[in-house]
Protein backbone atom coordinates (compact mmCIF):
# COMPACT_ATOMS: atom_id res chain seq x y z
CA MET A 1 42.41 97.63 51.51
CA VAL A 2 43.08 94.05 52.17
CA SER A 3 45.21 91.87 50.29
CA LEU A 4 45.61 88.44 49.64
CA LEU A 5 48.06 88.13 52.12
CA ASP A 6 46.65 89.68 54.76
CA ILE A 7 44.12 86.75 54.38
CA ILE A 8 46.63 83.14 53.61
CA GLY A 9 49.74 84.79 54.90
CA PRO A 10 53.37 84.61 53.92
CA VAL A 11 55.28 81.20 52.29
CA MET A 12 56.99 80.54 55.54
CA VAL A 13 58.21 77.43 58.15
CA GLY A 14 55.70 77.45 60.36
CA PRO A 15 53.60 77.87 62.76
CA SER A 16 52.76 80.95 63.33
CA SER A 17 53.39 84.33 60.88
CA SER A 18 53.52 86.72 63.69
CA HIS A 19 55.45 84.60 65.52
CA THR A 20 57.77 83.35 63.11
CA ALA A 21 57.78 84.82 59.25
CA GLY A 22 57.51 88.20 61.19
CA ALA A 23 60.09 87.23 63.98
CA CYS A 24 62.10 86.20 61.41
CA ARG A 25 61.91 89.64 59.24
CA LEU A 26 62.99 91.36 62.18
CA GLY A 27 65.90 89.16 62.87
CA LEU A 28 66.88 89.97 58.85
CA LEU A 29 66.50 93.46 59.45
CA ALA A 30 68.57 93.82 62.41
CA ARG A 31 71.34 92.59 61.11
CA CYS A 32 72.25 94.78 58.70
CA LEU A 33 72.43 97.18 61.30
CA VAL A 34 75.63 96.02 61.92
CA GLY A 35 76.42 94.97 58.10
CA GLY A 36 75.76 91.18 58.80
CA THR A 37 75.56 88.13 61.22
CA PRO A 38 76.07 89.66 64.36
CA GLU A 39 78.77 87.79 66.86
CA LYS A 40 76.70 88.82 69.72
CA ALA A 41 72.99 89.42 70.20
CA LEU A 42 70.56 90.17 73.73
CA VAL A 43 67.16 89.80 72.39
CA GLU A 44 64.43 91.01 75.00
CA LEU A 45 60.70 89.93 74.00
CA HIS A 46 58.06 91.52 75.17
CA GLY A 47 54.04 90.80 75.66
CA SER A 48 53.25 87.80 73.61
CA PHE A 49 56.19 87.48 72.37
CA ALA A 50 57.63 86.70 75.94
CA ARG A 51 54.21 84.26 76.89
CA THR A 52 54.44 82.60 73.93
CA GLY A 53 57.14 82.98 71.72
CA GLU A 54 59.46 79.88 72.57
CA GLY A 55 56.09 77.85 71.59
CA HIS A 56 55.78 79.68 68.70
CA GLY A 57 59.50 79.09 67.40
CA THR A 58 59.97 83.13 67.86
CA ASP A 59 63.79 82.26 68.78
CA LYS A 60 64.73 80.46 66.61
CA ALA A 61 62.93 82.36 63.95
CA ILE A 62 65.37 85.51 65.21
CA VAL A 63 68.09 83.97 65.23
CA GLY A 64 67.71 82.37 61.82
CA GLY A 65 67.05 85.93 60.45
CA LEU A 66 69.90 87.18 62.08
CA MET A 67 71.84 84.43 60.16
CA GLY A 68 69.89 85.57 57.18
CA PHE A 69 67.81 83.17 56.88
CA ARG A 70 64.16 83.88 54.80
CA PRO A 71 61.08 83.20 56.33
CA ASP A 72 61.10 79.99 54.03
CA ASP A 73 64.09 78.48 54.74
CA GLU A 74 63.80 75.05 56.45
CA ARG A 75 67.12 75.90 58.44
CA LEU A 76 64.89 77.96 60.78
CA ARG A 77 63.69 74.85 62.54
CA THR A 78 67.15 74.19 63.52
CA ALA A 79 68.82 78.05 63.81
CA LEU A 80 69.27 77.56 67.29
CA ASP A 81 71.50 74.35 67.02
CA ILE A 82 73.02 76.40 63.85
CA MET A 83 74.09 78.75 66.39
CA GLU A 84 75.47 77.04 68.98
CA ARG A 85 77.97 75.70 66.17
CA GLU A 86 78.80 78.53 64.79
CA GLY A 87 79.97 80.12 68.00
CA LEU A 88 77.53 82.93 68.44
CA ASP A 89 76.77 84.37 71.99
CA TYR A 90 72.96 84.98 71.78
CA THR A 91 71.11 85.44 75.23
CA PHE A 92 67.23 85.77 75.41
CA GLU A 93 65.44 87.67 78.46
CA LYS A 94 61.80 88.44 78.75
CA THR A 95 60.83 92.41 79.12
CA SER A 96 58.15 94.86 79.20
CA LEU A 97 58.59 97.63 77.12
CA GLY A 98 55.72 99.93 78.44
CA ASP A 99 52.09 99.46 77.54
CA ASP A 100 52.19 101.40 74.37
CA ALA A 101 54.36 98.79 72.54
CA HIS A 102 52.59 96.36 70.43
CA PRO A 103 52.64 92.58 72.05
CA ASN A 104 54.74 91.43 69.61
CA THR A 105 57.74 93.23 70.20
CA VAL A 106 61.16 92.62 70.49
CA ARG A 107 64.60 94.69 71.45
CA ILE A 108 67.83 93.53 69.68
CA SER A 109 70.73 95.16 71.00
CA LEU A 110 73.91 93.45 68.81
CA GLU A 111 77.22 93.53 68.07
CA ARG A 112 79.46 92.17 65.43
CA GLY A 113 83.58 93.90 65.35
CA ASP A 114 83.34 97.01 66.67
CA ARG A 115 80.43 98.00 65.40
CA LYS A 116 77.00 98.02 67.76
CA SER A 117 73.19 98.95 67.21
CA GLN A 118 70.08 98.14 68.99
CA MET A 119 66.39 98.25 66.95
CA VAL A 120 63.37 97.54 68.36
CA GLY A 121 60.52 96.50 66.25
CA ALA A 122 57.22 94.54 66.13
CA SER A 123 55.27 91.53 63.95
CA LEU A 124 52.40 93.30 63.26
CA GLY A 125 50.33 89.71 61.76
CA ALA A 126 50.54 88.15 58.21
CA GLY A 127 54.68 88.71 58.22
CA ARG A 128 54.26 92.27 58.53
CA VAL A 129 56.66 94.32 60.64
CA LEU A 130 57.34 97.83 61.70
CA ILE A 131 60.74 98.92 63.11
CA THR A 132 59.72 101.61 65.69
CA GLU A 133 63.44 102.76 67.22
CA ILE A 134 67.19 102.37 65.80
CA ASP A 135 69.96 103.84 68.31
CA GLY A 136 67.28 105.86 70.33
CA TYR A 137 66.28 106.95 67.75
CA PRO A 138 62.35 107.03 66.79
CA VAL A 139 61.83 105.70 63.28
CA GLU A 140 58.67 104.14 61.26
CA VAL A 141 60.48 101.04 58.53
CA SER A 142 58.31 98.63 57.35
CA GLY A 143 61.10 96.47 55.30
CA ASN A 144 58.75 96.52 51.87
CA LEU A 145 61.35 98.81 50.35
CA HIS A 146 65.11 98.58 50.24
CA THR A 147 66.29 101.32 53.05
CA ILE A 148 69.26 103.36 53.43
CA VAL A 149 69.39 104.71 57.35
CA LEU A 150 72.63 106.92 58.71
CA VAL A 151 73.79 109.04 61.71
CA ALA A 152 75.43 112.26 60.67
CA ASN A 153 76.24 115.65 61.68
CA ASP A 154 73.23 118.14 61.15
CA VAL A 155 74.70 120.33 58.48
CA LYS A 156 72.99 122.39 56.35
CA GLY A 157 72.50 120.65 52.66
CA SER A 158 73.25 117.05 53.61
CA VAL A 159 70.21 115.97 52.61
CA ALA A 160 70.62 117.21 48.94
CA ARG A 161 74.02 115.80 48.86
CA ILE A 162 72.78 112.22 50.06
CA ALA A 163 69.97 112.71 47.23
CA GLY A 164 72.63 113.58 44.66
CA ILE A 165 74.61 110.66 45.01
CA LEU A 166 70.93 108.29 44.77
CA ALA A 167 70.12 110.56 41.79
CA GLU A 168 73.56 110.10 40.35
CA ALA A 169 73.20 106.17 40.49
CA ASN A 170 69.89 106.25 39.23
CA VAL A 171 68.26 104.79 42.83
CA ASN A 172 64.74 106.51 43.00
CA ILE A 173 63.48 107.84 46.65
CA ALA A 174 60.41 107.02 47.99
CA THR A 175 60.16 108.36 51.14
CA LEU A 176 62.77 110.44 53.02
CA LYS A 177 62.70 110.97 57.04
CA LEU A 178 64.92 112.98 59.17
CA SER A 179 65.10 113.51 62.88
CA ARG A 180 67.30 114.83 65.42
CA LYS A 181 67.53 115.53 68.87
CA GLU A 182 68.28 118.67 69.36
CA ARG A 183 69.64 121.30 66.36
CA GLY A 184 73.22 121.53 65.69
CA GLY A 185 73.32 117.83 67.14
CA ASP A 186 73.39 113.94 65.14
CA ALA A 187 70.66 114.17 62.80
CA PHE A 188 69.14 110.17 61.79
CA MET A 189 68.01 109.65 58.44
CA VAL A 190 65.65 107.10 56.75
CA ILE A 191 65.62 106.62 53.17
CA GLU A 192 63.25 104.54 51.48
CA VAL A 193 64.11 103.86 47.87
CA ASP A 194 62.72 102.09 44.95
CA ASP A 195 65.79 100.06 44.03
CA GLN A 196 68.14 98.36 45.40
CA PRO A 197 71.31 100.75 46.35
CA GLY A 198 75.05 98.87 45.63
CA GLU A 199 77.55 99.31 47.72
CA VAL A 200 79.15 102.01 45.64
CA VAL A 201 76.10 103.59 46.58
CA ARG A 202 76.45 103.30 50.38
CA ASP A 203 80.24 103.95 50.37
CA ALA A 204 79.83 107.22 48.59
CA ILE A 205 77.33 108.54 51.31
CA ARG A 206 79.72 106.80 54.19
CA ASP A 207 82.65 108.67 52.44
CA LEU A 208 80.79 112.28 53.13
CA PRO A 209 82.95 113.38 56.05
CA TRP A 210 79.66 114.63 57.97
CA VAL A 211 78.24 110.90 58.05
CA ILE A 212 79.35 109.21 60.99
CA TRP A 213 77.99 105.76 59.70
CA ALA A 214 75.18 104.58 57.31
CA PHE A 215 73.58 100.99 56.30
CA ARG A 216 71.51 99.43 53.89
CA LEU A 217 68.80 97.50 54.95
CA ASP A 218 66.90 94.71 52.57
CA LYS A 219 63.83 94.60 51.58
CA VAL A 220 62.06 91.81 53.56
CA SER A 221 58.61 91.61 52.24
CA ALA A 222 57.89 88.90 49.78
């Protein structure tokens, strides 16, 4: 089914829903992985993003998203200037992520304090986005729901314990996906929830002895 949003696009600072609104939302999701505005970022643009992104404001949109600006924020127009004034170290490069990558794909490597993370995501049109990789783990995160991402030791009962924490906080799970590179190794968990989980929920998950790190990804869709 085609929605009205797919036809008219999102409320945004132009000119392009793919190169601007979607790019901004990718930046917004990426910043969550380091808990706020990153101090350093390497932004690698692929395909159409690399060829025409500068003319469409993709660089400004991603930087604005990394600084927490929404797609309809007028500050996107001057995001690069704001970045420089804030003393943030953001570098843009053109790259190829392979024939299977969506034309509007970006790989963002971030640093904030002692936290480092890398995200690969694509802008699909009409402001829609899809995160396909976080820290080397394949994922599918759309930003349509509040999301918890975490890395933990692969131990028995881990899913049930985390689900219990969410249930105790009256947070309903919409989807839960778990991937691991090998049995007994680190496991990557993506939990989409209907309600925004508070810091208390996040910290309760972080305090589990077998959880290595956990972050919340904000809902970025309208």
